[in-house]
Amino acid sequence: MGFFLDLFSANVAYASIDSFIRNADRLIVNPLINLLFALALVYFLYGLFEFIANGENDEKKTTGKTHMLWGIVGITIMMGVWVILGIVLRTFNITGINPEQGTVNLPN
């Protein structure tokens, strides 16, 4: 009789919220932040190259300056995210979250 009950009952695998957040942070959020940092840095370096390579053309130098400016803005925004996150974690005394290592330990 127990065999037939097992056939009709659903076996569900439960994952804890802790492991879900840890995996989402490790597999999605951290690589996305690293990618955005890298894109902002590449955009800045492209603008710098454009500025230096076109020393005689004022229009292209201005374009290079604009690319460098937006690269710096992107880097500043991404650094601001880390600073704001750190301030929030310290202000509310939230422990168990380490954004640098991508670890989350929530209480049971």
N, C-alpha and C. Protein backbone atom coordinates (compact mmCIF):
# COMPACT_ATOMS: atom_id res chain seq x y z
N MET A 1 0.81 -1.19 0.00
CA MET A 1 0.00 0.00 0.00
C MET A 1 0.86 1.26 0.00
N GLY A 2 1.99 1.23 0.73
CA GLY A 2 2.89 2.38 0.79
C GLY A 2 3.47 2.71 -0.58
N PHE A 3 3.68 1.68 -1.40
CA PHE A 3 4.22 1.89 -2.74
C PHE A 3 3.28 2.72 -3.58
N PHE A 4 1.98 2.42 -3.52
CA PHE A 4 1.00 3.16 -4.31
C PHE A 4 0.87 4.61 -3.85
N LEU A 5 1.01 4.84 -2.56
CA LEU A 5 0.94 6.22 -2.07
C LEU A 5 2.14 7.03 -2.56
N ASP A 6 3.30 6.38 -2.66
CA ASP A 6 4.48 7.07 -3.16
C ASP A 6 4.34 7.43 -4.63
N LEU A 7 3.61 6.64 -5.39
CA LEU A 7 3.42 6.94 -6.80
C LEU A 7 2.59 8.20 -7.02
N PHE A 8 1.64 8.44 -6.15
CA PHE A 8 0.72 9.55 -6.35
C PHE A 8 1.11 10.80 -5.56
N SER A 9 2.09 10.72 -4.72
CA SER A 9 2.52 11.91 -3.98
C SER A 9 3.68 12.57 -4.72
N ALA A 10 3.68 13.86 -4.65
CA ALA A 10 4.74 14.60 -5.34
C ALA A 10 5.96 14.70 -4.43
N ASN A 11 7.09 14.36 -4.97
CA ASN A 11 8.34 14.52 -4.24
C ASN A 11 8.92 15.88 -4.64
N VAL A 12 9.00 16.76 -3.68
CA VAL A 12 9.45 18.12 -3.94
C VAL A 12 10.77 18.33 -3.22
N ALA A 13 11.73 18.87 -3.95
CA ALA A 13 13.01 19.21 -3.35
C ALA A 13 12.97 20.67 -2.93
N TYR A 14 13.20 20.92 -1.65
CA TYR A 14 13.16 22.27 -1.13
C TYR A 14 14.58 22.80 -1.00
N ALA A 15 14.79 23.96 -1.54
CA ALA A 15 16.07 24.64 -1.36
C ALA A 15 15.85 25.78 -0.38
N SER A 16 16.80 25.96 0.46
CA SER A 16 16.64 27.03 1.44
C SER A 16 16.83 28.38 0.77
N ILE A 17 16.21 29.37 1.35
CA ILE A 17 16.34 30.75 0.84
C ILE A 17 17.79 31.17 0.91
N ASP A 18 18.50 30.72 1.93
CA ASP A 18 19.91 31.06 2.10
C ASP A 18 20.72 30.60 0.90
N SER A 19 20.53 29.36 0.47
CA SER A 19 21.30 28.85 -0.67
C SER A 19 20.88 29.54 -1.97
N PHE A 20 19.60 29.89 -2.08
CA PHE A 20 19.14 30.58 -3.29
C PHE A 20 19.78 31.96 -3.40
N ILE A 21 19.78 32.72 -2.29
CA ILE A 21 20.38 34.05 -2.31
C ILE A 21 21.87 33.96 -2.56
N ARG A 22 22.53 33.00 -1.93
CA ARG A 22 23.97 32.83 -2.11
C ARG A 22 24.29 32.52 -3.57
N ASN A 23 23.52 31.62 -4.18
CA ASN A 23 23.77 31.26 -5.57
C ASN A 23 23.43 32.39 -6.52
N ALA A 24 22.33 33.11 -6.27
CA ALA A 24 21.97 34.24 -7.12
C ALA A 24 23.03 35.33 -7.05
N ASP A 25 23.53 35.57 -5.85
CA ASP A 25 24.56 36.58 -5.67
C ASP A 25 25.86 36.16 -6.36
N ARG A 26 26.24 34.91 -6.16
CA ARG A 26 27.50 34.40 -6.71
C ARG A 26 27.45 34.25 -8.23
N LEU A 27 26.31 33.80 -8.77
CA LEU A 27 26.23 33.49 -10.19
C LEU A 27 25.67 34.61 -11.06
N ILE A 28 24.94 35.56 -10.46
CA ILE A 28 24.31 36.61 -11.27
C ILE A 28 24.81 38.00 -10.90
N VAL A 29 24.67 38.37 -9.64
CA VAL A 29 24.93 39.75 -9.23
C VAL A 29 26.41 40.10 -9.33
N ASN A 30 27.28 39.30 -8.72
CA ASN A 30 28.71 39.62 -8.75
C ASN A 30 29.29 39.64 -10.17
N PRO A 31 28.99 38.66 -11.02
CA PRO A 31 29.50 38.76 -12.39
C PRO A 31 28.94 39.96 -13.15
N LEU A 32 27.69 40.33 -12.88
CA LEU A 32 27.10 41.49 -13.54
C LEU A 32 27.81 42.78 -13.11
N ILE A 33 28.09 42.91 -11.82
CA ILE A 33 28.80 44.09 -11.33
C ILE A 33 30.21 44.13 -11.92
N ASN A 34 30.88 43.00 -11.97
CA ASN A 34 32.22 42.95 -12.57
C ASN A 34 32.17 43.32 -14.05
N LEU A 35 31.16 42.84 -14.76
CA LEU A 35 31.02 43.17 -16.17
C LEU A 35 30.80 44.68 -16.36
N LEU A 36 29.94 45.27 -15.54
CA LEU A 36 29.69 46.71 -15.66
C LEU A 36 30.93 47.53 -15.33
N PHE A 37 31.70 47.11 -14.32
CA PHE A 37 32.97 47.77 -14.03
C PHE A 37 33.89 47.69 -15.25
N ALA A 38 34.00 46.51 -15.82
CA ALA A 38 34.89 46.30 -16.97
C ALA A 38 34.44 47.14 -18.16
N LEU A 39 33.14 47.20 -18.42
CA LEU A 39 32.64 48.00 -19.53
C LEU A 39 32.92 49.48 -19.33
N ALA A 40 32.73 49.98 -18.12
CA ALA A 40 33.01 51.38 -17.83
C ALA A 40 34.50 51.67 -18.00
N LEU A 41 35.35 50.76 -17.57
CA LEU A 41 36.79 50.95 -17.72
C LEU A 41 37.20 50.92 -19.18
N VAL A 42 36.65 49.99 -19.95
CA VAL A 42 36.96 49.91 -21.38
C VAL A 42 36.48 51.16 -22.09
N TYR A 43 35.31 51.67 -21.73
CA TYR A 43 34.78 52.89 -22.35
C TYR A 43 35.69 54.08 -22.05
N PHE A 44 36.17 54.17 -20.80
CA PHE A 44 37.09 55.23 -20.43
C PHE A 44 38.39 55.12 -21.23
N LEU A 45 38.95 53.91 -21.28
CA LEU A 45 40.22 53.72 -22.00
C LEU A 45 40.06 53.98 -23.50
N TYR A 46 38.92 53.63 -24.05
CA TYR A 46 38.64 53.93 -25.46
C TYR A 46 38.63 55.44 -25.68
N GLY A 47 37.99 56.17 -24.78
CA GLY A 47 37.97 57.63 -24.88
C GLY A 47 39.36 58.22 -24.74
N LEU A 48 40.16 57.66 -23.83
CA LEU A 48 41.54 58.13 -23.66
C LEU A 48 42.35 57.88 -24.92
N PHE A 49 42.22 56.70 -25.49
CA PHE A 49 42.92 56.39 -26.74
C PHE A 49 42.47 57.34 -27.85
N GLU A 50 41.18 57.56 -27.95
CA GLU A 50 40.64 58.45 -28.97
C GLU A 50 41.15 59.88 -28.79
N PHE A 51 41.25 60.32 -27.56
CA PHE A 51 41.74 61.66 -27.25
C PHE A 51 43.21 61.81 -27.64
N ILE A 52 44.02 60.81 -27.28
CA ILE A 52 45.47 60.89 -27.56
C ILE A 52 45.75 60.69 -29.05
N ALA A 53 45.06 59.76 -29.69
CA ALA A 53 45.34 59.45 -31.09
C ALA A 53 44.93 60.57 -32.04
N ASN A 54 43.98 61.38 -31.66
CA ASN A 54 43.48 62.44 -32.53
C ASN A 54 43.83 63.81 -31.96
N GLY A 55 45.12 64.04 -31.74
CA GLY A 55 45.56 65.29 -31.14
C GLY A 55 45.30 66.51 -32.00
N GLU A 56 45.24 66.36 -33.31
CA GLU A 56 45.07 67.52 -34.19
C GLU A 56 43.61 67.78 -34.55
N ASN A 57 42.74 66.82 -34.34
CA ASN A 57 41.32 66.97 -34.70
C ASN A 57 40.51 67.29 -33.44
N ASP A 58 40.06 68.56 -33.37
CA ASP A 58 39.35 69.01 -32.17
C ASP A 58 38.02 68.29 -31.97
N GLU A 59 37.34 67.96 -33.05
CA GLU A 59 36.04 67.28 -32.92
C GLU A 59 36.21 65.89 -32.31
N LYS A 60 37.21 65.14 -32.77
CA LYS A 60 37.44 63.80 -32.24
C LYS A 60 38.02 63.85 -30.83
N LYS A 61 38.79 64.90 -30.51
CA LYS A 61 39.27 65.06 -29.14
C LYS A 61 38.09 65.29 -28.19
N THR A 62 37.11 66.08 -28.65
CA THR A 62 35.93 66.33 -27.83
C THR A 62 35.14 65.04 -27.62
N THR A 63 35.05 64.23 -28.66
CA THR A 63 34.37 62.94 -28.54
C THR A 63 35.11 62.05 -27.55
N GLY A 64 36.43 62.05 -27.61
CA GLY A 64 37.23 61.28 -26.66
C GLY A 64 37.02 61.75 -25.23
N LYS A 65 36.96 63.08 -25.05
CA LYS A 65 36.70 63.63 -23.71
C LYS A 65 35.34 63.17 -23.19
N THR A 66 34.35 63.16 -24.07
CA THR A 66 33.01 62.74 -23.68
C THR A 66 33.00 61.27 -23.27
N HIS A 67 33.70 60.43 -24.02
CA HIS A 67 33.78 59.00 -23.67
C HIS A 67 34.49 58.81 -22.34
N MET A 68 35.57 59.57 -22.11
CA MET A 68 36.27 59.46 -20.83
C MET A 68 35.36 59.89 -19.68
N LEU A 69 34.62 60.97 -19.89
CA LEU A 69 33.71 61.47 -18.85
C LEU A 69 32.66 60.43 -18.49
N TRP A 70 32.03 59.82 -19.50
CA TRP A 70 30.99 58.82 -19.22
C TRP A 70 31.58 57.54 -18.64
N GLY A 71 32.81 57.22 -19.00
CA GLY A 71 33.48 56.09 -18.37
C GLY A 71 33.70 56.33 -16.89
N ILE A 72 34.13 57.55 -16.55
CA ILE A 72 34.32 57.91 -15.14
C ILE A 72 32.99 57.91 -14.40
N VAL A 73 31.94 58.41 -15.04
CA VAL A 73 30.62 58.39 -14.42
C VAL A 73 30.19 56.96 -14.13
N GLY A 74 30.40 56.05 -15.07
CA GLY A 74 30.03 54.64 -14.87
C GLY A 74 30.81 54.01 -13.73
N ILE A 75 32.11 54.26 -13.68
CA ILE A 75 32.94 53.72 -12.61
C ILE A 75 32.50 54.29 -11.27
N THR A 76 32.19 55.58 -11.24
CA THR A 76 31.75 56.22 -10.00
C THR A 76 30.43 55.64 -9.52
N ILE A 77 29.51 55.41 -10.43
CA ILE A 77 28.22 54.82 -10.05
C ILE A 77 28.42 53.42 -9.48
N MET A 78 29.25 52.62 -10.12
CA MET A 78 29.47 51.26 -9.63
C MET A 78 30.17 51.27 -8.27
N MET A 79 31.10 52.18 -8.05
CA MET A 79 31.74 52.29 -6.73
C MET A 79 30.74 52.80 -5.70
N GLY A 80 29.84 53.68 -6.12
CA GLY A 80 28.80 54.18 -5.23
C GLY A 80 27.88 53.08 -4.75
N VAL A 81 27.61 52.12 -5.61
CA VAL A 81 26.78 50.98 -5.21
C VAL A 81 27.43 50.24 -4.05
N TRP A 82 28.73 49.99 -4.14
CA TRP A 82 29.43 49.29 -3.07
C TRP A 82 29.45 50.11 -1.79
N VAL A 83 29.65 51.44 -1.92
CA VAL A 83 29.69 52.29 -0.73
C VAL A 83 28.33 52.33 -0.05
N ILE A 84 27.27 52.52 -0.83
CA ILE A 84 25.92 52.57 -0.26
C ILE A 84 25.57 51.24 0.39
N LEU A 85 25.93 50.14 -0.25
CA LEU A 85 25.67 48.82 0.33
C LEU A 85 26.40 48.66 1.66
N GLY A 86 27.64 49.10 1.72
CA GLY A 86 28.40 49.02 2.96
C GLY A 86 27.80 49.88 4.06
N ILE A 87 27.35 51.08 3.70
CA ILE A 87 26.73 51.98 4.68
C ILE A 87 25.44 51.36 5.23
N VAL A 88 24.62 50.82 4.35
CA VAL A 88 23.37 50.19 4.78
C VAL A 88 23.64 49.00 5.70
N LEU A 89 24.62 48.18 5.34
CA LEU A 89 24.94 47.01 6.16
C LEU A 89 25.43 47.41 7.54
N ARG A 90 26.27 48.46 7.60
CA ARG A 90 26.78 48.91 8.90
C ARG A 90 25.73 49.66 9.70
N THR A 91 24.89 50.46 9.04
CA THR A 91 23.88 51.24 9.74
C THR A 91 22.86 50.35 10.43
N PHE A 92 22.36 49.36 9.72
CA PHE A 92 21.35 48.48 10.29
C PHE A 92 21.96 47.26 10.98
N ASN A 93 23.29 47.26 11.12
CA ASN A 93 24.01 46.18 11.80
C ASN A 93 23.63 44.82 11.24
N ILE A 94 23.63 44.73 9.92
CA ILE A 94 23.32 43.48 9.24
C ILE A 94 24.61 42.66 9.15
N THR A 95 24.57 41.48 9.70
CA THR A 95 25.74 40.62 9.67
C THR A 95 25.44 39.39 8.83
N GLY A 96 26.47 38.74 8.39
CA GLY A 96 26.31 37.51 7.62
C GLY A 96 26.34 37.74 6.12
N ILE A 97 26.45 39.00 5.66
CA ILE A 97 26.50 39.29 4.23
C ILE A 97 27.86 39.90 3.94
N ASN A 98 28.60 39.28 3.05
CA ASN A 98 29.92 39.78 2.67
C ASN A 98 29.94 39.96 1.16
N PRO A 99 29.72 41.20 0.66
CA PRO A 99 29.64 41.41 -0.78
C PRO A 99 30.95 41.16 -1.52
N GLU A 100 32.08 41.37 -0.84
CA GLU A 100 33.36 41.15 -1.51
C GLU A 100 33.58 39.68 -1.85
N GLN A 101 33.16 38.79 -0.94
CA GLN A 101 33.34 37.36 -1.17
C GLN A 101 32.11 36.71 -1.76
N GLY A 102 30.99 37.42 -1.77
CA GLY A 102 29.76 36.87 -2.31
C GLY A 102 29.11 35.83 -1.43
N THR A 103 29.29 35.98 -0.10
CA THR A 103 28.70 35.02 0.82
C THR A 103 27.55 35.65 1.60
N VAL A 104 26.52 34.84 1.86
CA VAL A 104 25.38 35.26 2.64
C VAL A 104 25.07 34.15 3.65
N ASN A 105 25.03 34.51 4.92
CA ASN A 105 24.68 33.57 5.98
C ASN A 105 23.52 34.17 6.75
N LEU A 106 22.32 33.70 6.47
CA LEU A 106 21.14 34.20 7.15
C LEU A 106 20.82 33.31 8.33
N PRO A 107 20.25 33.90 9.40
CA PRO A 107 19.87 33.06 10.55
C PRO A 107 18.70 32.16 10.18
N ASN A 108 18.59 31.04 10.87
CA ASN A 108 17.51 30.08 10.59
C ASN A 108 16.17 30.66 10.94
